[in-house]
Amino acid sequence: MANFLFVLSKDDNETATRCFQFAKIAHEKEHKVNLFFIDSGVTWANKSRDLAVKTPTGDSPNDYLPYLVDNQVPIGV
């Protein structure tokens, strides 16, 4: 088992979607995962944010972030 720290520093839908996707994959493989939001990435901590905005590949932050929250993956801001 490995330890992963994913740092999100951009207020960008595609970047956030990939960050959350990779964190979810690592967690599902039973690795220890932490997320940390810095700089403009802290906007992703806003609970009223629309997480359903699709990326060009058709997925969205809403496809991954709820899993991380439900599974109590630590998220620091």
N, C-alpha and C. Protein backbone atom coordinates (compact mmCIF):
# COMPACT_ATOMS: atom_id res chain seq x y z
N MET A 1 0.84 -1.17 0.00
CA MET A 1 0.00 0.00 0.00
C MET A 1 0.89 1.24 0.00
N ALA A 2 0.52 2.21 -0.82
CA ALA A 2 1.28 3.46 -0.94
C ALA A 2 0.48 4.61 -0.35
N ASN A 3 1.16 5.71 -0.13
CA ASN A 3 0.53 6.95 0.33
C ASN A 3 0.50 7.94 -0.82
N PHE A 4 -0.66 8.55 -1.04
CA PHE A 4 -0.81 9.54 -2.10
C PHE A 4 -1.33 10.84 -1.52
N LEU A 5 -0.74 11.94 -1.94
CA LEU A 5 -1.23 13.27 -1.63
C LEU A 5 -1.51 13.97 -2.95
N PHE A 6 -2.76 14.30 -3.18
CA PHE A 6 -3.17 15.01 -4.39
C PHE A 6 -3.39 16.47 -4.01
N VAL A 7 -2.67 17.37 -4.69
CA VAL A 7 -2.76 18.80 -4.42
C VAL A 7 -3.47 19.47 -5.59
N LEU A 8 -4.55 20.14 -5.30
CA LEU A 8 -5.32 20.85 -6.33
C LEU A 8 -5.14 22.34 -6.11
N SER A 9 -4.50 23.01 -7.08
CA SER A 9 -4.19 24.43 -6.92
C SER A 9 -4.87 25.31 -7.97
N LYS A 10 -5.76 24.73 -8.77
CA LYS A 10 -6.41 25.50 -9.82
C LYS A 10 -7.92 25.42 -9.70
N ASP A 11 -8.57 26.50 -10.08
CA ASP A 11 -10.03 26.52 -10.18
C ASP A 11 -10.37 26.18 -11.63
N ASP A 12 -10.12 24.94 -11.98
CA ASP A 12 -10.30 24.48 -13.35
C ASP A 12 -11.05 23.15 -13.31
N ASN A 13 -12.14 23.07 -14.02
CA ASN A 13 -12.99 21.88 -13.97
C ASN A 13 -12.26 20.61 -14.42
N GLU A 14 -11.50 20.68 -15.52
CA GLU A 14 -10.80 19.49 -16.00
C GLU A 14 -9.73 19.03 -15.02
N THR A 15 -8.97 19.97 -14.49
CA THR A 15 -7.91 19.64 -13.54
C THR A 15 -8.50 19.01 -12.28
N ALA A 16 -9.57 19.59 -11.78
CA ALA A 16 -10.21 19.06 -10.58
C ALA A 16 -10.79 17.66 -10.84
N THR A 17 -11.42 17.49 -11.98
CA THR A 17 -12.00 16.19 -12.31
C THR A 17 -10.93 15.11 -12.31
N ARG A 18 -9.79 15.37 -12.94
CA ARG A 18 -8.71 14.37 -12.98
C ARG A 18 -8.14 14.12 -11.59
N CYS A 19 -7.97 15.18 -10.81
CA CYS A 19 -7.46 15.04 -9.45
C CYS A 19 -8.37 14.12 -8.64
N PHE A 20 -9.66 14.38 -8.69
CA PHE A 20 -10.61 13.57 -7.94
C PHE A 20 -10.68 12.14 -8.49
N GLN A 21 -10.57 12.01 -9.81
CA GLN A 21 -10.60 10.68 -10.43
C GLN A 21 -9.41 9.85 -9.97
N PHE A 22 -8.21 10.42 -10.03
CA PHE A 22 -7.01 9.67 -9.63
C PHE A 22 -7.04 9.35 -8.13
N ALA A 23 -7.55 10.27 -7.33
CA ALA A 23 -7.65 10.00 -5.89
C ALA A 23 -8.62 8.85 -5.63
N LYS A 24 -9.73 8.84 -6.35
CA LYS A 24 -10.71 7.76 -6.19
C LYS A 24 -10.11 6.42 -6.60
N ILE A 25 -9.42 6.39 -7.71
CA ILE A 25 -8.80 5.14 -8.18
C ILE A 25 -7.80 4.63 -7.15
N ALA A 26 -6.95 5.51 -6.65
CA ALA A 26 -5.95 5.10 -5.65
C ALA A 26 -6.63 4.57 -4.40
N HIS A 27 -7.67 5.26 -3.96
CA HIS A 27 -8.38 4.82 -2.74
C HIS A 27 -9.05 3.46 -2.96
N GLU A 28 -9.66 3.28 -4.11
CA GLU A 28 -10.30 1.99 -4.41
C GLU A 28 -9.30 0.84 -4.41
N LYS A 29 -8.04 1.15 -4.71
CA LYS A 29 -6.98 0.14 -4.70
C LYS A 29 -6.35 0.01 -3.31
N GLU A 30 -7.04 0.62 -2.32
CA GLU A 30 -6.68 0.52 -0.91
C GLU A 30 -5.40 1.24 -0.55
N HIS A 31 -5.04 2.25 -1.32
CA HIS A 31 -3.92 3.11 -0.95
C HIS A 31 -4.42 4.19 -0.01
N LYS A 32 -3.52 4.74 0.79
CA LYS A 32 -3.88 5.85 1.67
C LYS A 32 -3.85 7.12 0.82
N VAL A 33 -4.95 7.87 0.84
CA VAL A 33 -5.10 9.04 -0.02
C VAL A 33 -5.47 10.26 0.82
N ASN A 34 -4.85 11.39 0.49
CA ASN A 34 -5.19 12.68 1.06
C ASN A 34 -5.31 13.68 -0.07
N LEU A 35 -6.24 14.62 0.05
CA LEU A 35 -6.38 15.72 -0.89
C LEU A 35 -6.07 17.01 -0.16
N PHE A 36 -5.47 17.95 -0.87
CA PHE A 36 -5.20 19.25 -0.28
C PHE A 36 -5.48 20.31 -1.33
N PHE A 37 -6.32 21.29 -0.98
CA PHE A 37 -6.66 22.39 -1.88
C PHE A 37 -5.85 23.62 -1.48
N ILE A 38 -5.14 24.19 -2.44
CA ILE A 38 -4.37 25.42 -2.20
C ILE A 38 -4.66 26.43 -3.29
N ASP A 39 -4.22 27.66 -3.06
CA ASP A 39 -4.37 28.75 -4.03
C ASP A 39 -5.82 28.81 -4.53
N SER A 40 -6.03 28.90 -5.82
CA SER A 40 -7.41 29.00 -6.32
C SER A 40 -8.14 27.66 -6.27
N GLY A 41 -7.44 26.60 -5.93
CA GLY A 41 -8.09 25.30 -5.76
C GLY A 41 -9.02 25.24 -4.56
N VAL A 42 -8.88 26.21 -3.63
CA VAL A 42 -9.75 26.20 -2.44
C VAL A 42 -11.21 26.43 -2.82
N THR A 43 -11.47 26.94 -4.00
CA THR A 43 -12.86 27.15 -4.42
C THR A 43 -13.62 25.83 -4.53
N TRP A 44 -12.91 24.71 -4.64
CA TRP A 44 -13.56 23.41 -4.72
C TRP A 44 -14.10 22.95 -3.37
N ALA A 45 -13.78 23.67 -2.30
CA ALA A 45 -14.32 23.35 -0.98
C ALA A 45 -15.70 23.95 -0.76
N ASN A 46 -16.17 24.77 -1.69
CA ASN A 46 -17.48 25.41 -1.59
C ASN A 46 -18.56 24.36 -1.85
N LYS A 47 -19.36 24.05 -0.84
CA LYS A 47 -20.38 23.00 -0.96
C LYS A 47 -21.49 23.35 -1.94
N SER A 48 -21.65 24.64 -2.26
CA SER A 48 -22.73 25.02 -3.18
C SER A 48 -22.25 25.06 -4.64
N ARG A 49 -21.01 24.68 -4.87
CA ARG A 49 -20.45 24.69 -6.21
C ARG A 49 -21.12 23.62 -7.09
N ASP A 50 -21.30 23.95 -8.37
CA ASP A 50 -21.88 23.01 -9.32
C ASP A 50 -20.81 21.99 -9.73
N LEU A 51 -20.98 20.76 -9.29
CA LEU A 51 -20.00 19.70 -9.59
C LEU A 51 -20.38 18.89 -10.82
N ALA A 52 -21.47 19.26 -11.48
CA ALA A 52 -21.96 18.49 -12.61
C ALA A 52 -21.45 18.99 -13.96
N VAL A 53 -20.62 20.03 -13.97
CA VAL A 53 -20.10 20.57 -15.23
C VAL A 53 -19.20 19.51 -15.88
N LYS A 54 -19.52 19.15 -17.10
CA LYS A 54 -18.82 18.08 -17.81
C LYS A 54 -17.49 18.57 -18.41
N THR A 55 -16.52 17.66 -18.45
CA THR A 55 -15.26 17.90 -19.15
C THR A 55 -15.44 17.45 -20.60
N PRO A 56 -14.46 17.72 -21.47
CA PRO A 56 -14.58 17.25 -22.86
C PRO A 56 -14.70 15.72 -22.98
N THR A 57 -14.23 14.99 -21.95
CA THR A 57 -14.34 13.53 -22.00
C THR A 57 -15.67 13.02 -21.47
N GLY A 58 -16.53 13.94 -21.00
CA GLY A 58 -17.87 13.56 -20.58
C GLY A 58 -18.06 13.28 -19.11
N ASP A 59 -16.98 13.29 -18.33
CA ASP A 59 -17.14 13.09 -16.89
C ASP A 59 -17.12 14.43 -16.19
N SER A 60 -17.36 14.41 -14.89
CA SER A 60 -17.42 15.64 -14.12
C SER A 60 -16.90 15.39 -12.71
N PRO A 61 -16.59 16.45 -11.96
CA PRO A 61 -16.17 16.24 -10.57
C PRO A 61 -17.18 15.45 -9.75
N ASN A 62 -18.46 15.59 -10.10
CA ASN A 62 -19.51 14.88 -9.38
C ASN A 62 -19.43 13.36 -9.55
N ASP A 63 -18.67 12.90 -10.53
CA ASP A 63 -18.49 11.46 -10.73
C ASP A 63 -17.51 10.87 -9.71
N TYR A 64 -16.72 11.72 -9.04
CA TYR A 64 -15.64 11.22 -8.18
C TYR A 64 -15.63 11.82 -6.78
N LEU A 65 -15.88 13.12 -6.65
CA LEU A 65 -15.76 13.77 -5.34
C LEU A 65 -16.72 13.21 -4.30
N PRO A 66 -17.98 12.93 -4.61
CA PRO A 66 -18.86 12.35 -3.59
C PRO A 66 -18.33 11.04 -3.01
N TYR A 67 -17.71 10.21 -3.84
CA TYR A 67 -17.09 8.97 -3.34
C TYR A 67 -16.04 9.28 -2.28
N LEU A 68 -15.19 10.28 -2.56
CA LEU A 68 -14.12 10.63 -1.64
C LEU A 68 -14.68 11.16 -0.32
N VAL A 69 -15.71 11.97 -0.39
CA VAL A 69 -16.36 12.49 0.81
C VAL A 69 -17.04 11.37 1.58
N ASP A 70 -17.80 10.53 0.89
CA ASP A 70 -18.50 9.43 1.53
C ASP A 70 -17.55 8.45 2.21
N ASN A 71 -16.36 8.29 1.65
CA ASN A 71 -15.38 7.37 2.21
C ASN A 71 -14.38 8.05 3.14
N GLN A 72 -14.70 9.29 3.50
CA GLN A 72 -13.94 10.06 4.48
C GLN A 72 -12.46 10.19 4.15
N VAL A 73 -12.17 10.37 2.85
CA VAL A 73 -10.80 10.67 2.44
C VAL A 73 -10.49 12.07 2.96
N PRO A 74 -9.40 12.26 3.70
CA PRO A 74 -9.09 13.57 4.26
C PRO A 74 -8.87 14.62 3.17
N ILE A 75 -9.54 15.76 3.34
CA ILE A 75 -9.40 16.89 2.41
C ILE A 75 -9.00 18.10 3.24
N GLY A 76 -7.82 18.62 2.98
CA GLY A 76 -7.35 19.81 3.67
C GLY A 76 -7.45 21.04 2.79
N VAL A 77 -7.70 22.17 3.43
CA VAL A 77 -7.80 23.44 2.70
C VAL A 77 -6.86 24.42 3.33
